[in-house]
Each structure stands twice: as C-alpha cells, then as structure tokens.
Amino acid sequence: MRLSGIQAKQLRLIYSAPVTQFCPREALARRQVGKAMLDLLIDASGVVVDVRVLDESPLGVGFGDSAAASAKTYKFWNAFNRLVALTIPVKFVP
C-alpha cells in the first residue's frame, strides 16, 4: 500500500540516527547543502526493508547514497500493521 497525504501522516518516525553522520565527507568539508528524494518500503513492525533513491541534488556528490544509508536506520510506528511504501525527502545541511 502506497501512502500519501493524510495516510502518510499516520506513519510516525520514532527513531533515526542523526542524518549529519551520513553526510558525504567532501560535502561536509565544503559545507555543501544537498538533498535526496527516497522511496521507502516499511514493514508492519516499522522497519525500513528497502530504499530506492529517486533523485538527488546536486548530482555526483553522494547525497542519494548517504540519504539511503541514513534511512536504513529509521524506525516507524506503522499504524497500518502491513507493508507500506512512502516517498520522503532527506536534507543535508552542514
């Protein structure tokens, strides 16, 4: 089931490692801002079981891979108690 709008608000993030620890080293050294758009597959217990990078900006810096690594630490409260898909943005601000 793909979540959007009001449904997506029923999925609550209850844990995530700090996104700054996943920021690409070069981007961190240059204090470069970046972002990525991810598609997450979340199981009934709220664990992210698959991540797909849909977009990243700027390209070639590694923000997509870094955002995906960060998302693998997420834990959600999944009110649906079933496998769900969700698209989210991840921002890196040094």
N, C-alpha and C. Protein backbone atom coordinates (compact mmCIF):
# COMPACT_ATOMS: atom_id res chain seq x y z
N MET A 1 0.85 -1.18 0.00
CA MET A 1 0.00 0.00 0.00
C MET A 1 0.90 1.23 0.00
N ARG A 2 0.72 2.12 -0.96
CA ARG A 2 1.48 3.36 -1.03
C ARG A 2 0.74 4.43 -0.24
N LEU A 3 1.48 5.10 0.64
CA LEU A 3 0.90 6.14 1.48
C LEU A 3 1.15 7.52 0.90
N SER A 4 0.16 8.37 1.02
CA SER A 4 0.30 9.78 0.63
C SER A 4 -0.72 10.59 1.42
N GLY A 5 -0.52 11.89 1.45
CA GLY A 5 -1.47 12.78 2.11
C GLY A 5 -1.71 12.43 3.56
N ILE A 6 -2.98 12.32 3.92
CA ILE A 6 -3.37 12.06 5.31
C ILE A 6 -2.86 10.70 5.78
N GLN A 7 -2.85 9.71 4.90
CA GLN A 7 -2.35 8.38 5.27
C GLN A 7 -0.89 8.45 5.72
N ALA A 8 -0.08 9.20 4.98
CA ALA A 8 1.35 9.30 5.29
C ALA A 8 1.56 9.91 6.68
N LYS A 9 0.67 10.77 7.11
CA LYS A 9 0.80 11.39 8.43
C LYS A 9 0.51 10.40 9.56
N GLN A 10 -0.10 9.27 9.24
CA GLN A 10 -0.37 8.25 10.25
C GLN A 10 0.85 7.38 10.52
N LEU A 11 1.87 7.50 9.70
CA LEU A 11 3.12 6.79 9.89
C LEU A 11 4.05 7.74 10.64
N ARG A 12 4.50 7.36 11.82
CA ARG A 12 5.31 8.26 12.65
C ARG A 12 6.74 7.74 12.78
N LEU A 13 7.69 8.63 12.52
CA LEU A 13 9.10 8.29 12.71
C LEU A 13 9.39 8.32 14.21
N ILE A 14 9.84 7.20 14.76
CA ILE A 14 10.12 7.15 16.19
C ILE A 14 11.62 7.06 16.48
N TYR A 15 12.43 6.73 15.48
CA TYR A 15 13.88 6.74 15.66
C TYR A 15 14.57 6.94 14.33
N SER A 16 15.66 7.70 14.36
CA SER A 16 16.57 7.80 13.23
C SER A 16 17.92 8.24 13.76
N ALA A 17 18.98 7.69 13.19
CA ALA A 17 20.32 8.16 13.53
C ALA A 17 20.45 9.57 12.95
N PRO A 18 21.26 10.41 13.55
CA PRO A 18 21.43 11.79 13.03
C PRO A 18 21.89 11.77 11.57
N VAL A 19 21.17 12.48 10.72
CA VAL A 19 21.48 12.50 9.29
C VAL A 19 22.87 13.08 9.03
N THR A 20 23.34 13.94 9.90
CA THR A 20 24.67 14.56 9.71
C THR A 20 25.79 13.52 9.73
N GLN A 21 25.61 12.41 10.42
CA GLN A 21 26.67 11.41 10.45
C GLN A 21 26.77 10.65 9.12
N PHE A 22 25.81 10.84 8.23
CA PHE A 22 25.83 10.18 6.92
C PHE A 22 26.20 11.13 5.79
N CYS A 23 26.39 12.39 6.09
CA CYS A 23 26.71 13.39 5.06
C CYS A 23 28.02 13.03 4.35
N PRO A 24 28.06 13.11 3.03
CA PRO A 24 29.30 12.81 2.30
C PRO A 24 30.45 13.68 2.83
N ARG A 25 31.62 13.08 3.02
CA ARG A 25 32.76 13.79 3.60
C ARG A 25 33.13 15.06 2.85
N GLU A 26 33.21 14.95 1.54
CA GLU A 26 33.58 16.13 0.74
C GLU A 26 32.56 17.25 0.91
N ALA A 27 31.30 16.90 0.92
CA ALA A 27 30.24 17.90 1.08
C ALA A 27 30.32 18.54 2.46
N LEU A 28 30.63 17.74 3.45
CA LEU A 28 30.76 18.25 4.81
C LEU A 28 31.95 19.21 4.90
N ALA A 29 33.06 18.84 4.29
CA ALA A 29 34.26 19.69 4.30
C ALA A 29 34.00 21.03 3.60
N ARG A 30 33.18 21.01 2.57
CA ARG A 30 32.85 22.25 1.82
C ARG A 30 31.62 22.95 2.36
N ARG A 31 31.01 22.34 3.40
CA ARG A 31 29.77 22.87 3.99
C ARG A 31 28.68 23.01 2.92
N GLN A 32 28.60 22.00 2.06
CA GLN A 32 27.67 21.98 0.94
C GLN A 32 26.32 21.41 1.36
N VAL A 33 25.27 22.09 0.99
CA VAL A 33 23.91 21.65 1.25
C VAL A 33 23.48 20.69 0.13
N GLY A 34 22.72 19.67 0.49
CA GLY A 34 22.23 18.73 -0.51
C GLY A 34 20.93 18.11 -0.07
N LYS A 35 20.32 17.40 -1.01
CA LYS A 35 19.07 16.72 -0.69
C LYS A 35 18.90 15.50 -1.57
N ALA A 36 18.01 14.63 -1.13
CA ALA A 36 17.68 13.43 -1.91
C ALA A 36 16.20 13.12 -1.68
N MET A 37 15.60 12.50 -2.67
CA MET A 37 14.23 12.02 -2.56
C MET A 37 14.30 10.50 -2.56
N LEU A 38 13.70 9.90 -1.52
CA LEU A 38 13.78 8.45 -1.35
C LEU A 38 12.40 7.81 -1.39
N ASP A 39 12.37 6.59 -1.86
CA ASP A 39 11.17 5.76 -1.80
C ASP A 39 11.49 4.65 -0.80
N LEU A 40 10.71 4.58 0.29
CA LEU A 40 10.94 3.60 1.34
C LEU A 40 9.88 2.52 1.32
N LEU A 41 10.29 1.31 1.62
CA LEU A 41 9.38 0.21 1.84
C LEU A 41 9.51 -0.14 3.32
N ILE A 42 8.41 -0.05 4.05
CA ILE A 42 8.41 -0.19 5.51
C ILE A 42 7.53 -1.37 5.89
N ASP A 43 8.08 -2.28 6.69
CA ASP A 43 7.30 -3.47 7.05
C ASP A 43 6.31 -3.17 8.17
N ALA A 44 5.52 -4.17 8.53
CA ALA A 44 4.45 -4.00 9.52
C ALA A 44 4.98 -3.55 10.88
N SER A 45 6.22 -3.92 11.21
CA SER A 45 6.79 -3.54 12.50
C SER A 45 7.45 -2.16 12.47
N GLY A 46 7.48 -1.51 11.29
CA GLY A 46 8.03 -0.16 11.18
C GLY A 46 9.47 -0.08 10.73
N VAL A 47 10.05 -1.21 10.36
CA VAL A 47 11.44 -1.25 9.91
C VAL A 47 11.52 -0.99 8.40
N VAL A 48 12.47 -0.17 7.99
CA VAL A 48 12.69 0.10 6.56
C VAL A 48 13.40 -1.13 5.98
N VAL A 49 12.73 -1.79 5.04
CA VAL A 49 13.28 -3.01 4.45
C VAL A 49 13.85 -2.80 3.06
N ASP A 50 13.54 -1.66 2.44
CA ASP A 50 14.11 -1.36 1.12
C ASP A 50 14.09 0.15 0.92
N VAL A 51 15.14 0.65 0.27
CA VAL A 51 15.26 2.08 -0.02
C VAL A 51 15.66 2.23 -1.48
N ARG A 52 15.01 3.15 -2.16
CA ARG A 52 15.37 3.47 -3.55
C ARG A 52 15.54 4.97 -3.66
N VAL A 53 16.66 5.40 -4.24
CA VAL A 53 16.91 6.82 -4.45
C VAL A 53 16.20 7.24 -5.73
N LEU A 54 15.30 8.21 -5.62
CA LEU A 54 14.55 8.70 -6.77
C LEU A 54 15.24 9.90 -7.42
N ASP A 55 15.88 10.72 -6.58
CA ASP A 55 16.53 11.94 -7.07
C ASP A 55 17.52 12.42 -6.02
N GLU A 56 18.53 13.16 -6.46
CA GLU A 56 19.46 13.79 -5.54
C GLU A 56 19.97 15.08 -6.16
N SER A 57 20.34 16.00 -5.28
CA SER A 57 20.83 17.29 -5.75
C SER A 57 21.82 17.84 -4.74
N PRO A 58 22.96 18.30 -5.21
CA PRO A 58 23.47 18.21 -6.57
C PRO A 58 23.92 16.79 -6.91
N LEU A 59 23.95 16.50 -8.18
CA LEU A 59 24.35 15.18 -8.66
C LEU A 59 25.85 14.95 -8.46
N GLY A 60 26.23 13.71 -8.26
CA GLY A 60 27.63 13.33 -8.23
C GLY A 60 28.37 13.57 -6.92
N VAL A 61 27.66 14.02 -5.89
CA VAL A 61 28.30 14.29 -4.61
C VAL A 61 28.12 13.12 -3.65
N GLY A 62 27.07 12.35 -3.83
CA GLY A 62 26.81 11.20 -2.98
C GLY A 62 25.67 11.37 -2.00
N PHE A 63 24.87 12.43 -2.18
CA PHE A 63 23.76 12.66 -1.25
C PHE A 63 22.71 11.55 -1.32
N GLY A 64 22.49 10.97 -2.47
CA GLY A 64 21.50 9.90 -2.59
C GLY A 64 21.89 8.68 -1.79
N ASP A 65 23.13 8.21 -1.97
CA ASP A 65 23.60 7.04 -1.23
C ASP A 65 23.64 7.33 0.27
N SER A 66 24.04 8.53 0.63
CA SER A 66 24.10 8.91 2.05
C SER A 66 22.71 8.94 2.67
N ALA A 67 21.75 9.48 1.95
CA ALA A 67 20.37 9.53 2.44
C ALA A 67 19.81 8.12 2.59
N ALA A 68 20.12 7.25 1.64
CA ALA A 68 19.65 5.86 1.71
C ALA A 68 20.25 5.15 2.93
N ALA A 69 21.52 5.37 3.20
CA ALA A 69 22.16 4.78 4.38
C ALA A 69 21.50 5.29 5.66
N SER A 70 21.19 6.56 5.69
CA SER A 70 20.52 7.15 6.84
C SER A 70 19.13 6.54 7.03
N ALA A 71 18.39 6.39 5.95
CA ALA A 71 17.02 5.86 6.02
C ALA A 71 16.97 4.44 6.54
N LYS A 72 18.04 3.68 6.35
CA LYS A 72 18.07 2.31 6.84
C LYS A 72 18.10 2.25 8.36
N THR A 73 18.34 3.38 9.03
CA THR A 73 18.31 3.42 10.49
C THR A 73 16.94 3.83 11.03
N TYR A 74 16.03 4.24 10.15
CA TYR A 74 14.72 4.72 10.58
C TYR A 74 13.88 3.60 11.17
N LYS A 75 13.11 3.96 12.17
CA LYS A 75 12.11 3.06 12.75
C LYS A 75 10.82 3.86 12.85
N PHE A 76 9.74 3.32 12.32
CA PHE A 76 8.45 4.00 12.30
C PHE A 76 7.44 3.29 13.18
N TRP A 77 6.47 4.02 13.66
CA TRP A 77 5.27 3.44 14.24
C TRP A 77 4.32 3.31 13.06
N ASN A 78 4.01 2.08 12.68
CA ASN A 78 3.21 1.80 11.50
C ASN A 78 1.79 1.42 11.93
N ALA A 79 0.91 2.39 11.90
CA ALA A 79 -0.49 2.18 12.31
C ALA A 79 -1.24 1.21 11.40
N PHE A 80 -0.71 0.98 10.21
CA PHE A 80 -1.39 0.12 9.24
C PHE A 80 -1.10 -1.37 9.46
N ASN A 81 -0.02 -1.66 10.20
CA ASN A 81 0.38 -3.04 10.50
C ASN A 81 0.47 -3.90 9.25
N ARG A 82 1.01 -3.30 8.21
CA ARG A 82 1.24 -4.02 6.96
C ARG A 82 2.35 -3.33 6.20
N LEU A 83 2.82 -3.95 5.16
CA LEU A 83 3.88 -3.39 4.33
C LEU A 83 3.36 -2.14 3.64
N VAL A 84 4.11 -1.03 3.75
CA VAL A 84 3.70 0.23 3.12
C VAL A 84 4.88 0.86 2.39
N ALA A 85 4.58 1.70 1.42
CA ALA A 85 5.59 2.45 0.68
C ALA A 85 5.35 3.94 0.92
N LEU A 86 6.45 4.67 1.03
CA LEU A 86 6.37 6.10 1.34
C LEU A 86 7.52 6.81 0.64
N THR A 87 7.24 7.95 0.04
CA THR A 87 8.27 8.77 -0.57
C THR A 87 8.56 9.94 0.36
N ILE A 88 9.86 10.15 0.66
CA ILE A 88 10.25 11.22 1.59
C ILE A 88 11.46 11.98 1.08
N PRO A 89 11.58 13.25 1.47
CA PRO A 89 12.81 14.00 1.20
C PRO A 89 13.79 13.87 2.37
N VAL A 90 15.06 13.92 2.08
CA VAL A 90 16.10 13.95 3.12
C VAL A 90 17.01 15.13 2.76
N LYS A 91 17.22 16.03 3.74
CA LYS A 91 18.05 17.21 3.51
C LYS A 91 19.32 17.13 4.33
N PHE A 92 20.42 17.56 3.73
CA PHE A 92 21.70 17.64 4.41
C PHE A 92 22.09 19.10 4.51
N VAL A 93 22.21 19.58 5.74
CA VAL A 93 22.61 20.95 5.99
C VAL A 93 23.76 20.89 6.99
N PRO A 94 24.98 21.21 6.57
CA PRO A 94 26.12 21.12 7.49
C PRO A 94 26.02 22.12 8.64
